[in-house]
Amino acid sequence: MDQPTPNSQTATPAAEGSESLYQSRKKIHPRAVTGFFASWRWALVWLTQLLYYGLPWLTWNDRPAVLLNLVERKFYIFGLVLWPQDVFFLAIILIISAYALFLFTAVAGRLWCGYACPQTVYTEIFLWIEQKIEGDRGARIKLDKAPVDARKIRLRALKYGAWALFSLWTGFTLVGYFTPITVLWDEFWSWNLGPWETFWIFFYAFMTYLFAGIMREQVCLYMCPYARFQSVMFDPDTLVITYDVERGEPRGQRKKGVDPRSLGKGDCVDCGICVQVCPTGIDIRKGLQYECIGCAACIDACDDVMEKMNYPKGLIRYTTENALEKHWGRKEIIGHIVRPRIIIYTVILIAITLGLLWGIANKPDLRVNVIRDRAILAREVEGGLVENVYRLQVMNVSEHSHRYVITVVGLDGIKLEGDATLEVPPATTKSFSYAVRVPPESGKKGSHTIYFDVKAQDNEKMAVHEKATFLMP
C-alpha cells in the first residue's frame, strides 16, 4: 500500500533512541478510481478549466470579455468596467469568498479542497497524463523500480514533456488575462514578447509543474494553511468522510458470499484499496486526519468493493460524528446540519452578495472630479468680472462614447467660459480646463460654494452634481 511511512531519514544518530524531526517521503502513486464522487470531481475539473482557458478568448464590444488591464488600471469583466475607485468591490468579493468557505466547511468539510482547489484540479490532470503514458498504478510503481533503459527514458521524456507543454499553456493563459490573448499570441509567434510577459508565463508554468507534477500532496500537507485551521470550522454535526468502525471491525480477508459475522469479522475485507486511491496516502480507517482533502476517492473505492462482496455500501461515507455515534438516519443528519451556525453564515452570505449585486447594478457610469487651480486663486478680468480656473476630470465609465453638457450654478451671474460641451471616449478619463466668472457684487470676500452639473446629452440618468469652491478677492 502506498502511504507515508514513519521511517526517519537520518544520518548517523547522535545517540541511541534519537529521532529525526523530518519524515522521509515515500512517493504516492494513487490508484485510478471511478464512481459517483469521482464523476463529480472530474466534472469540476472540466468546468473550472473550460472557464480558465476559455474566458480570455471571448470577446465583448470588440475587446476581450475578461481583461485585467494593469497598465490602464481598468478591469473589464464582460459589460462591467472596474476602476481603481471600485477597489471596494474586490474587498466585498474577498469577504464573500471567506464566508462561503466558512459555510461550506461547516456543512461538509473540505469541499473546496477536494473538488475545486487548483492544486487538486491540476494534480488530477497531471496524474491523468501520467497514467496515459506510464500505465496504471502497478505499472508506474514497476517503472520506478526498473533500471534506467531506453523504454524508461522514452516514457519519462514523454511524461515530462507533456507536463511542460501543459504548464506553459497554463502560464500563457494566465498572462492572457492581463494582456489581450490574441495580441499575446501574435507576439509569441513573432518572438516579440515583453520581458514581464515572458517572466510570468515561465514563472507560472514552473510553479504549476512543480506543485502539480513534483510536490503534489506535499503542498496540501505542509504548505497549505487550510489543513491546519480547518478543525476550528468543524463540529460534531459537520459532514466528513468517515470509516464506520462499528460496522467494519474487526477487519480481515474472507471469500465472497461468506457472512462476516460467522467468522467474527466486520465488513472491512482489509483490501487496502481505500489507501491506494488516496492522493495524500492516508488510511481513513484510522479516523479523520488533517491530511484528508475530502476528495471522497476512498468512498468510491470502498463502495465498489462492498458491491462486489454483496455487502451494503457506505462502510466509508459522508456522515457526522454525532450521526455515527447515535446511529442517525438521513433525516436526522439533515435536521442537525441546518443549525444556528449554518443559518447565520447563510444569512450573512446572502446579505453581502445581494449588497454586492446592488452596488454593481447601481454603479455610476459617469464620475467627475473638480480641482480648482491653486496657482491662480482668483483674478479680475475684463469687464471687472472675478475669475477662478478649474480642471475637470471627467471619467466615462461606460463602454460607449458620450457628449456631456456642463453648467455651473451657485452664485448670481455665474457663467462658464468656453465650449460647454465635451466628448469622452468609452472607458476613458479626460481632463478639461474651464474658467468660471462672476460679477464682483455676487458675493462677499472669501470662499463660496458652487456646483458643476455634468450631464450626458443622450442619457439623462448620466448626470453628476459636483461641489466646488469659488474665491472672491
Protein backbone atom coordinates (compact mmCIF):
# COMPACT_ATOMS: atom_id res chain seq x y z
CA MET A 1 0.00 0.00 0.00
CA ASP A 2 1.23 3.43 -0.96
CA GLN A 3 1.21 5.61 2.14
CA PRO A 4 3.59 7.79 4.16
CA THR A 5 5.80 5.78 6.45
CA PRO A 6 7.08 6.76 9.87
CA ASN A 7 10.63 5.84 8.96
CA SER A 8 13.09 8.54 9.87
CA GLN A 9 15.51 9.86 7.31
CA THR A 10 18.61 10.46 9.38
CA ALA A 11 22.31 10.46 9.07
CA THR A 12 24.30 8.88 11.86
CA PRO A 13 22.20 9.26 15.04
CA ALA A 14 23.76 11.36 17.73
CA ALA A 15 22.62 8.92 20.38
CA GLU A 16 20.67 5.71 20.62
CA GLY A 17 16.94 6.37 20.59
CA SER A 18 17.25 9.79 18.91
CA GLU A 19 14.51 10.73 16.42
CA SER A 20 14.58 12.80 13.26
CA LEU A 21 12.50 15.96 13.07
CA TYR A 22 11.69 15.15 9.45
CA GLN A 23 9.70 12.34 7.90
CA SER A 24 11.01 10.63 4.81
CA ARG A 25 8.66 10.79 1.86
CA LYS A 26 7.50 7.72 0.02
CA LYS A 27 6.24 8.56 -3.45
CA ILE A 28 2.49 8.10 -3.73
CA HIS A 29 1.00 6.50 -6.83
CA PRO A 30 -2.78 6.96 -6.45
CA ARG A 31 -4.85 4.24 -8.00
CA ALA A 32 -7.45 5.28 -10.58
CA VAL A 33 -10.98 5.18 -9.25
CA THR A 34 -14.46 5.54 -10.72
CA GLY A 35 -17.74 6.25 -9.06
CA PHE A 36 -20.21 8.94 -8.05
CA PHE A 37 -17.72 11.28 -6.37
CA ALA A 38 -15.02 10.71 -8.99
CA SER A 39 -17.53 11.79 -11.65
CA TRP A 40 -18.31 14.96 -9.72
CA ARG A 41 -14.61 15.66 -9.27
CA TRP A 42 -13.93 15.35 -12.99
CA ALA A 43 -17.00 17.44 -13.80
CA LEU A 44 -15.49 20.22 -11.68
CA VAL A 45 -12.14 19.75 -13.42
CA TRP A 46 -13.78 20.23 -16.81
CA LEU A 47 -15.90 23.17 -15.65
CA THR A 48 -13.07 25.10 -13.99
CA GLN A 49 -10.63 24.52 -16.83
CA LEU A 50 -13.09 25.39 -19.58
CA LEU A 51 -13.68 28.67 -17.77
CA TYR A 52 -9.99 29.31 -17.13
CA TYR A 53 -8.72 28.51 -20.62
CA GLY A 54 -11.78 29.79 -22.48
CA LEU A 55 -12.57 33.17 -20.92
CA PRO A 56 -9.53 35.04 -22.34
CA TRP A 57 -10.63 34.15 -25.89
CA LEU A 58 -14.16 35.51 -25.53
CA THR A 59 -14.81 39.00 -26.91
CA TRP A 60 -17.19 41.71 -25.74
CA ASN A 61 -17.65 45.07 -27.51
CA ASP A 62 -14.58 44.42 -29.70
CA ARG A 63 -12.35 43.71 -26.71
CA PRO A 64 -11.60 40.68 -24.51
CA ALA A 65 -14.59 39.81 -22.34
CA VAL A 66 -12.31 39.48 -19.31
CA LEU A 67 -9.23 41.69 -19.23
CA LEU A 68 -7.34 42.93 -16.16
CA ASN A 69 -5.53 45.86 -17.72
CA LEU A 70 -2.98 46.88 -15.10
CA VAL A 71 -1.31 49.44 -17.37
CA GLU A 72 -4.51 51.45 -17.84
CA ARG A 73 -5.72 50.46 -14.33
CA LYS A 74 -9.03 49.14 -15.63
CA PHE A 75 -10.60 45.71 -15.16
CA TYR A 76 -13.02 44.60 -17.86
CA ILE A 77 -15.46 41.83 -16.91
CA PHE A 78 -17.94 41.45 -19.77
CA GLY A 79 -20.07 44.64 -19.64
CA LEU A 80 -18.58 45.79 -16.33
CA VAL A 81 -15.61 48.15 -16.15
CA LEU A 82 -13.92 48.48 -12.76
CA TRP A 83 -11.59 51.39 -11.99
CA PRO A 84 -9.23 51.95 -9.04
CA GLN A 85 -12.10 53.75 -7.31
CA ASP A 86 -14.02 50.45 -7.35
CA VAL A 87 -11.48 48.55 -5.27
CA PHE A 88 -14.06 48.11 -2.51
CA PHE A 89 -15.86 45.64 -4.81
CA LEU A 90 -12.77 43.45 -4.58
CA ALA A 91 -12.87 43.67 -0.80
CA ILE A 92 -16.51 42.58 -0.80
CA ILE A 93 -15.73 39.66 -3.11
CA LEU A 94 -12.98 38.53 -0.73
CA ILE A 95 -15.39 38.74 2.21
CA ILE A 96 -17.95 36.67 0.27
CA SER A 97 -15.28 34.08 -0.53
CA ALA A 98 -14.32 33.84 3.14
CA TYR A 99 -17.91 33.41 4.33
CA ALA A 100 -18.57 30.84 1.59
CA LEU A 101 -15.53 28.90 2.77
CA PHE A 102 -16.78 29.01 6.38
CA LEU A 103 -20.25 27.89 5.30
CA PHE A 104 -19.18 25.02 3.05
CA THR A 105 -16.63 23.78 5.57
CA ALA A 106 -19.11 23.88 8.45
CA VAL A 107 -21.61 21.90 6.35
CA ALA A 108 -19.44 19.28 4.64
CA GLY A 109 -15.77 19.77 5.41
CA ARG A 110 -13.14 20.39 2.77
CA LEU A 111 -15.36 20.53 -0.31
CA TRP A 112 -13.19 23.26 -1.84
CA CYS A 113 -10.02 21.22 -1.39
CA GLY A 114 -11.46 18.02 -2.74
CA TYR A 115 -13.20 19.35 -5.83
CA ALA A 116 -12.24 22.87 -6.91
CA CYS A 117 -8.86 23.84 -5.42
CA PRO A 118 -6.34 24.49 -8.25
CA GLN A 119 -3.84 22.20 -6.53
CA THR A 120 -6.36 19.33 -6.60
CA VAL A 121 -7.54 20.08 -10.14
CA TYR A 122 -4.07 20.30 -11.68
CA THR A 123 -2.83 17.28 -9.76
CA GLU A 124 -5.74 15.31 -11.22
CA ILE A 125 -4.79 16.46 -14.71
CA PHE A 126 -1.11 15.66 -14.25
CA LEU A 127 -1.95 12.23 -12.83
CA TRP A 128 -4.20 11.56 -15.81
CA ILE A 129 -1.35 12.42 -18.19
CA GLU A 130 0.99 10.19 -16.18
CA GLN A 131 -1.47 7.32 -16.26
CA LYS A 132 -1.99 7.60 -20.03
CA ILE A 133 1.77 7.49 -20.69
CA GLU A 134 3.14 5.19 -17.99
CA GLY A 135 0.13 3.00 -17.25
CA ASP A 136 -1.89 2.18 -14.14
CA ARG A 137 -0.65 2.24 -10.55
CA GLY A 138 1.12 -1.10 -10.72
CA ALA A 139 2.87 -0.22 -13.97
CA ARG A 140 4.06 3.10 -12.55
CA ILE A 141 5.45 1.51 -9.40
CA LYS A 142 7.20 -1.13 -11.52
CA LEU A 143 8.64 1.56 -13.79
CA ASP A 144 10.01 3.47 -10.79
CA LYS A 145 11.87 0.37 -9.61
CA ALA A 146 13.09 -0.62 -13.07
CA PRO A 147 16.66 0.16 -14.11
CA VAL A 148 17.23 3.04 -16.50
CA ASP A 149 16.87 1.82 -20.06
CA ALA A 150 15.63 3.17 -23.40
CA ARG A 151 11.97 2.48 -22.58
CA LYS A 152 12.10 4.22 -19.21
CA ILE A 153 13.87 7.23 -20.68
CA ARG A 154 11.30 7.44 -23.50
CA LEU A 155 8.29 7.21 -21.18
CA ARG A 156 9.72 9.73 -18.72
CA ALA A 157 10.62 12.14 -21.52
CA LEU A 158 7.09 11.91 -22.92
CA LYS A 159 5.55 12.49 -19.48
CA TYR A 160 7.78 15.38 -18.51
CA GLY A 161 7.41 16.91 -21.96
CA ALA A 162 3.60 16.70 -21.78
CA TRP A 163 3.67 18.22 -18.30
CA ALA A 164 5.90 21.04 -19.52
CA LEU A 165 3.70 21.86 -22.54
CA PHE A 166 0.58 21.86 -20.40
CA SER A 167 2.28 24.08 -17.80
CA LEU A 168 3.43 26.55 -20.45
CA TRP A 169 -0.08 26.76 -21.88
CA THR A 170 -1.38 27.37 -18.35
CA GLY A 171 1.13 30.19 -17.83
CA PHE A 172 0.35 31.64 -21.26
CA THR A 173 -3.37 31.65 -20.42
CA LEU A 174 -2.75 33.41 -17.11
CA VAL A 175 -0.88 36.26 -18.83
CA GLY A 176 -3.75 36.35 -21.35
CA TYR A 177 -5.94 37.76 -18.60
CA PHE A 178 -3.65 40.80 -18.34
CA THR A 179 -2.61 41.22 -21.98
CA PRO A 180 -5.20 40.60 -24.73
CA ILE A 181 -4.56 36.98 -25.58
CA THR A 182 -4.78 37.48 -29.34
CA VAL A 183 -2.09 40.16 -29.07
CA LEU A 184 -0.07 37.86 -26.81
CA TRP A 185 -0.42 35.04 -29.35
CA ASP A 186 0.90 37.22 -32.17
CA GLU A 187 3.76 38.45 -30.00
CA PHE A 188 4.65 34.87 -29.10
CA TRP A 189 4.93 33.69 -32.70
CA SER A 190 6.84 36.82 -33.75
CA TRP A 191 9.26 36.45 -30.82
CA ASN A 192 8.22 39.87 -29.59
CA LEU A 193 7.06 39.09 -26.05
CA GLY A 194 7.80 41.73 -23.45
CA PRO A 195 10.12 40.91 -20.53
CA TRP A 196 7.35 40.85 -17.92
CA GLU A 197 5.06 38.74 -20.07
CA THR A 198 7.87 36.27 -20.67
CA PHE A 199 8.74 36.14 -16.97
CA TRP A 200 5.20 35.46 -15.80
CA ILE A 201 4.50 32.83 -18.46
CA PHE A 202 7.55 30.82 -17.47
CA PHE A 203 7.23 31.51 -13.74
CA TYR A 204 3.62 30.35 -13.54
CA ALA A 205 4.42 27.38 -15.79
CA PHE A 206 7.28 26.41 -13.48
CA MET A 207 5.12 26.67 -10.36
CA THR A 208 2.34 24.63 -11.99
CA TYR A 209 4.85 21.94 -12.98
CA LEU A 210 6.44 21.95 -9.53
CA PHE A 211 3.24 21.88 -7.47
CA ALA A 212 1.08 19.55 -9.57
CA GLY A 213 3.78 17.33 -11.05
CA ILE A 214 6.51 17.05 -8.43
CA MET A 215 5.29 18.10 -4.99
CA ARG A 216 1.64 17.06 -5.26
CA GLU A 217 0.38 16.06 -1.81
CA GLN A 218 3.28 17.86 -0.14
CA VAL A 219 1.61 21.17 -0.97
CA CYS A 220 -1.56 20.08 0.85
CA LEU A 221 0.29 18.56 3.79
CA TYR A 222 2.92 21.19 4.53
CA MET A 223 2.27 24.40 2.56
CA CYS A 224 -1.48 24.96 2.65
CA PRO A 225 -2.61 26.65 5.89
CA TYR A 226 -6.19 25.49 5.47
CA ALA A 227 -5.29 21.97 6.58
CA ARG A 228 -4.10 23.38 9.90
CA PHE A 229 -7.06 25.56 10.86
CA GLN A 230 -9.89 23.50 9.38
CA SER A 231 -10.56 21.91 12.76
CA VAL A 232 -11.90 25.19 14.16
CA MET A 233 -14.61 25.14 11.47
CA PHE A 234 -15.70 21.56 12.17
CA ASP A 235 -18.16 20.48 14.84
CA PRO A 236 -19.86 17.14 15.64
CA ASP A 237 -22.58 17.91 13.07
CA THR A 238 -20.23 18.58 10.16
CA LEU A 239 -20.38 16.06 7.33
CA VAL A 240 -16.95 14.44 6.95
CA ILE A 241 -15.61 11.33 5.27
CA THR A 242 -15.72 8.66 7.94
CA TYR A 243 -14.98 4.96 8.30
CA ASP A 244 -17.69 3.12 10.24
CA VAL A 245 -15.56 1.34 12.84
CA GLU A 246 -18.51 -0.40 14.46
CA ARG A 247 -19.53 -1.98 11.19
CA GLY A 248 -16.11 -2.61 9.70
CA GLU A 249 -14.12 -4.06 12.63
CA PRO A 250 -12.55 -6.44 13.13
CA ARG A 251 -11.36 -6.36 9.56
CA GLY A 252 -9.95 -9.28 7.64
CA GLN A 253 -9.99 -11.18 4.38
CA ARG A 254 -12.64 -13.71 3.51
CA LYS A 255 -14.25 -15.37 0.50
CA LYS A 256 -17.11 -13.73 -1.38
CA GLY A 257 -20.52 -14.77 -0.14
CA VAL A 258 -19.37 -15.67 3.37
CA ASP A 259 -21.23 -13.98 6.20
CA PRO A 260 -18.51 -11.98 8.02
CA ARG A 261 -20.34 -12.33 11.33
CA SER A 262 -19.96 -16.10 11.14
CA LEU A 263 -16.20 -15.53 11.10
CA GLY A 264 -16.32 -12.97 13.87
CA LYS A 265 -15.32 -10.19 11.46
CA GLY A 266 -16.72 -6.90 10.28
CA ASP A 267 -17.48 -5.82 6.73
CA CYS A 268 -13.97 -4.44 6.00
CA VAL A 269 -12.06 -7.02 3.94
CA ASP A 270 -8.76 -5.19 4.59
CA CYS A 271 -8.04 -4.88 0.86
CA GLY A 272 -6.24 -1.55 1.31
CA ILE A 273 -7.75 -0.05 -1.83
CA CYS A 274 -9.03 2.95 0.16
CA VAL A 275 -5.39 3.77 0.91
CA GLN A 276 -4.21 3.11 -2.64
CA VAL A 277 -6.67 5.61 -4.16
CA CYS A 278 -5.95 8.35 -1.60
CA PRO A 279 -3.96 11.23 -3.19
CA THR A 280 -2.36 12.05 0.17
CA GLY A 281 -1.67 8.41 1.10
CA ILE A 282 -3.59 8.28 4.39
CA ASP A 283 -5.62 5.42 5.83
CA ILE A 284 -9.10 6.78 6.52
CA ARG A 285 -9.73 3.77 8.79
CA LYS A 286 -7.50 5.45 11.38
CA GLY A 287 -10.01 8.27 11.71
CA LEU A 288 -10.29 11.80 10.37
CA GLN A 289 -6.84 13.29 9.75
CA TYR A 290 -5.78 16.77 8.73
CA GLU A 291 -4.18 15.31 5.59
CA CYS A 292 -7.62 14.31 4.24
CA ILE A 293 -8.60 16.73 1.47
CA GLY A 294 -12.18 15.42 1.25
CA CYS A 295 -11.92 14.12 -2.32
CA ALA A 296 -14.07 11.05 -1.44
CA ALA A 297 -11.98 8.72 -3.61
CA CYS A 298 -11.96 6.24 -0.73
CA ILE A 299 -15.77 6.23 -0.66
CA ASP A 300 -15.98 5.29 -4.34
CA ALA A 301 -13.30 2.61 -3.92
CA CYS A 302 -14.90 1.07 -0.83
CA ASP A 303 -18.40 1.13 -2.32
CA ASP A 304 -17.06 -0.76 -5.33
CA VAL A 305 -15.57 -3.45 -3.08
CA MET A 306 -18.74 -3.68 -0.98
CA GLU A 307 -20.79 -4.13 -4.14
CA LYS A 308 -18.55 -6.97 -5.31
CA MET A 309 -18.84 -8.64 -1.90
CA ASN A 310 -22.63 -8.18 -1.89
CA TYR A 311 -22.38 -6.03 1.25
CA PRO A 312 -24.27 -2.76 1.79
CA LYS A 313 -22.44 0.33 0.59
CA GLY A 314 -21.43 3.09 2.98
CA LEU A 315 -18.72 1.46 5.08
CA ILE A 316 -16.82 4.65 4.28
CA ARG A 317 -19.23 7.53 3.75
CA TYR A 318 -20.09 11.14 4.36
CA THR A 319 -21.60 11.36 7.81
CA THR A 320 -21.25 13.30 11.05
CA GLU A 321 -19.65 12.44 14.35
CA ASN A 322 -23.00 12.59 16.14
CA ALA A 323 -24.74 10.53 13.46
CA LEU A 324 -22.15 7.79 13.69
CA GLU A 325 -22.28 7.71 17.46
CA LYS A 326 -26.07 7.88 17.75
CA HIS A 327 -26.91 5.85 14.63
CA TRP A 328 -28.90 8.59 12.99
CA GLY A 329 -30.57 8.19 9.62
CA ARG A 330 -30.52 10.65 6.74
CA LYS A 331 -33.45 12.65 8.09
CA GLU A 332 -31.81 13.24 11.47
CA ILE A 333 -28.49 14.13 9.82
CA ILE A 334 -30.08 16.76 7.57
CA GLY A 335 -32.06 18.12 10.52
CA HIS A 336 -28.88 18.71 12.51
CA ILE A 337 -26.96 20.17 9.56
CA VAL A 338 -29.41 23.08 9.48
CA ARG A 339 -28.27 24.54 12.78
CA PRO A 340 -27.87 28.16 14.06
CA ARG A 341 -24.28 28.42 12.90
CA ILE A 342 -25.20 27.45 9.34
CA ILE A 343 -28.22 29.76 9.31
CA ILE A 344 -26.11 32.73 10.45
CA TYR A 345 -23.42 32.05 7.82
CA THR A 346 -26.08 31.69 5.11
CA VAL A 347 -27.94 34.88 6.02
CA ILE A 348 -24.72 36.92 6.15
CA LEU A 349 -23.52 35.44 2.85
CA ILE A 350 -26.80 36.18 1.09
CA ALA A 351 -26.93 39.73 2.50
CA ILE A 352 -23.38 40.57 1.40
CA THR A 353 -23.90 39.01 -2.03
CA LEU A 354 -27.10 40.98 -2.59
CA GLY A 355 -25.29 44.13 -1.46
CA LEU A 356 -22.53 43.47 -4.00
CA LEU A 357 -25.02 42.89 -6.81
CA TRP A 358 -26.92 46.05 -5.88
CA GLY A 359 -23.70 48.06 -5.81
CA ILE A 360 -22.62 46.79 -9.22
CA ALA A 361 -26.07 47.37 -10.72
CA ASN A 362 -26.12 50.96 -9.43
CA LYS A 363 -22.51 51.78 -10.17
CA PRO A 364 -22.46 55.23 -11.87
CA ASP A 365 -21.32 55.40 -15.48
CA LEU A 366 -20.04 58.96 -15.03
CA ARG A 367 -17.66 60.34 -12.45
CA VAL A 368 -16.36 63.91 -12.23
CA ASN A 369 -13.63 65.42 -10.09
CA VAL A 370 -13.37 69.22 -9.92
CA ILE A 371 -9.99 70.66 -8.91
CA ARG A 372 -9.55 74.41 -8.57
CA ASP A 373 -6.31 75.80 -9.99
CA ARG A 374 -4.28 76.69 -6.90
CA ALA A 375 -1.70 78.62 -8.89
CA ILE A 376 -4.32 81.26 -9.66
CA LEU A 377 -6.55 81.74 -6.63
CA ALA A 378 -8.71 84.50 -8.11
CA ARG A 379 -8.19 87.30 -10.56
CA GLU A 380 -10.03 90.22 -12.10
CA VAL A 381 -10.56 90.11 -15.86
CA GLU A 382 -12.08 92.39 -18.48
CA GLY A 383 -15.42 93.88 -17.53
CA GLY A 384 -14.47 93.79 -13.85
CA LEU A 385 -15.50 90.12 -13.52
CA VAL A 386 -13.87 87.81 -10.99
CA GLU A 387 -12.44 84.61 -12.46
CA ASN A 388 -11.44 81.25 -10.96
CA VAL A 389 -9.92 78.45 -13.06
CA TYR A 390 -10.85 74.78 -12.62
CA ARG A 391 -9.73 71.45 -14.03
CA LEU A 392 -12.46 68.88 -14.56
CA GLN A 393 -11.52 65.22 -14.68
CA VAL A 394 -14.40 63.53 -16.48
CA MET A 395 -14.45 59.73 -16.25
CA ASN A 396 -16.68 57.93 -18.73
CA VAL A 397 -17.03 54.53 -17.03
CA SER A 398 -19.39 53.14 -19.69
CA GLU A 399 -18.30 51.39 -22.87
CA HIS A 400 -19.83 53.96 -25.21
CA SER A 401 -18.68 57.40 -26.19
CA HIS A 402 -20.77 60.24 -24.75
CA ARG A 403 -21.09 64.00 -25.20
CA TYR A 404 -21.65 65.94 -22.00
CA VAL A 405 -23.03 69.42 -21.30
CA ILE A 406 -21.51 71.40 -18.44
CA THR A 407 -23.28 74.11 -16.46
CA VAL A 408 -22.30 75.87 -13.25
CA VAL A 409 -24.59 77.27 -10.52
CA GLY A 410 -24.29 78.70 -7.04
CA LEU A 411 -23.71 82.46 -7.43
CA ASP A 412 -25.70 85.21 -9.13
CA GLY A 413 -24.48 85.89 -12.64
CA ILE A 414 -22.08 82.95 -12.67
CA LYS A 415 -21.12 81.66 -16.10
CA LEU A 416 -18.75 79.21 -17.72
CA GLU A 417 -16.25 80.46 -20.28
CA GLY A 418 -15.58 78.34 -23.35
CA ASP A 419 -17.36 75.44 -25.01
CA ALA A 420 -19.81 73.94 -22.56
CA THR A 421 -19.90 70.58 -24.36
CA LEU A 422 -17.24 67.92 -24.31
CA GLU A 423 -16.86 64.38 -25.61
CA VAL A 424 -15.23 61.49 -23.77
CA PRO A 425 -14.46 58.14 -25.42
CA PRO A 426 -15.61 54.89 -23.77
CA ALA A 427 -13.84 53.77 -20.56
CA THR A 428 -11.65 56.87 -20.62
CA THR A 429 -10.74 59.74 -18.32
CA LYS A 430 -10.10 63.17 -19.84
CA SER A 431 -9.20 66.47 -18.23
CA PHE A 432 -10.64 69.82 -19.28
CA SER A 433 -9.81 73.33 -18.04
CA TYR A 434 -12.56 75.87 -17.58
CA ALA A 435 -12.70 79.45 -16.35
CA VAL A 436 -15.69 80.47 -14.22
CA ARG A 437 -16.56 84.15 -13.94
CA VAL A 438 -18.95 86.08 -11.69
CA PRO A 439 -19.74 89.79 -11.18
CA PRO A 440 -17.88 91.24 -8.17
CA GLU A 441 -21.17 92.07 -6.42
CA SER A 442 -22.24 88.39 -6.46
CA GLY A 443 -20.74 87.65 -3.10
CA LYS A 444 -18.65 88.82 -0.20
CA LYS A 445 -14.93 88.30 0.12
CA GLY A 446 -13.96 84.74 0.85
CA SER A 447 -14.97 81.25 -0.18
CA HIS A 448 -18.33 80.40 -1.76
CA THR A 449 -19.85 77.05 -2.69
CA ILE A 450 -20.68 76.44 -6.34
CA TYR A 451 -21.74 73.31 -8.26
CA PHE A 452 -20.76 71.90 -11.63
CA ASP A 453 -23.54 69.96 -13.38
CA VAL A 454 -22.30 67.49 -15.98
CA LYS A 455 -25.00 65.69 -17.98
CA ALA A 456 -24.89 63.32 -20.95
CA GLN A 457 -26.82 64.56 -23.96
CA ASP A 458 -28.07 61.08 -24.85
CA ASN A 459 -28.84 59.81 -21.34
CA GLU A 460 -30.43 61.98 -18.67
CA LYS A 461 -29.56 59.44 -15.96
CA MET A 462 -25.85 60.04 -16.57
CA ALA A 463 -25.53 63.23 -14.53
CA VAL A 464 -23.22 64.47 -11.80
CA HIS A 465 -23.75 67.43 -9.41
CA GLU A 466 -20.21 68.12 -8.18
CA LYS A 467 -19.35 70.61 -5.42
CA ALA A 468 -16.51 73.16 -5.71
CA THR A 469 -15.42 76.44 -4.09
CA PHE A 470 -15.18 79.91 -5.64
CA LEU A 471 -12.88 82.54 -4.11
CA MET A 472 -13.83 86.18 -4.09
CA PRO A 473 -10.86 88.57 -3.56
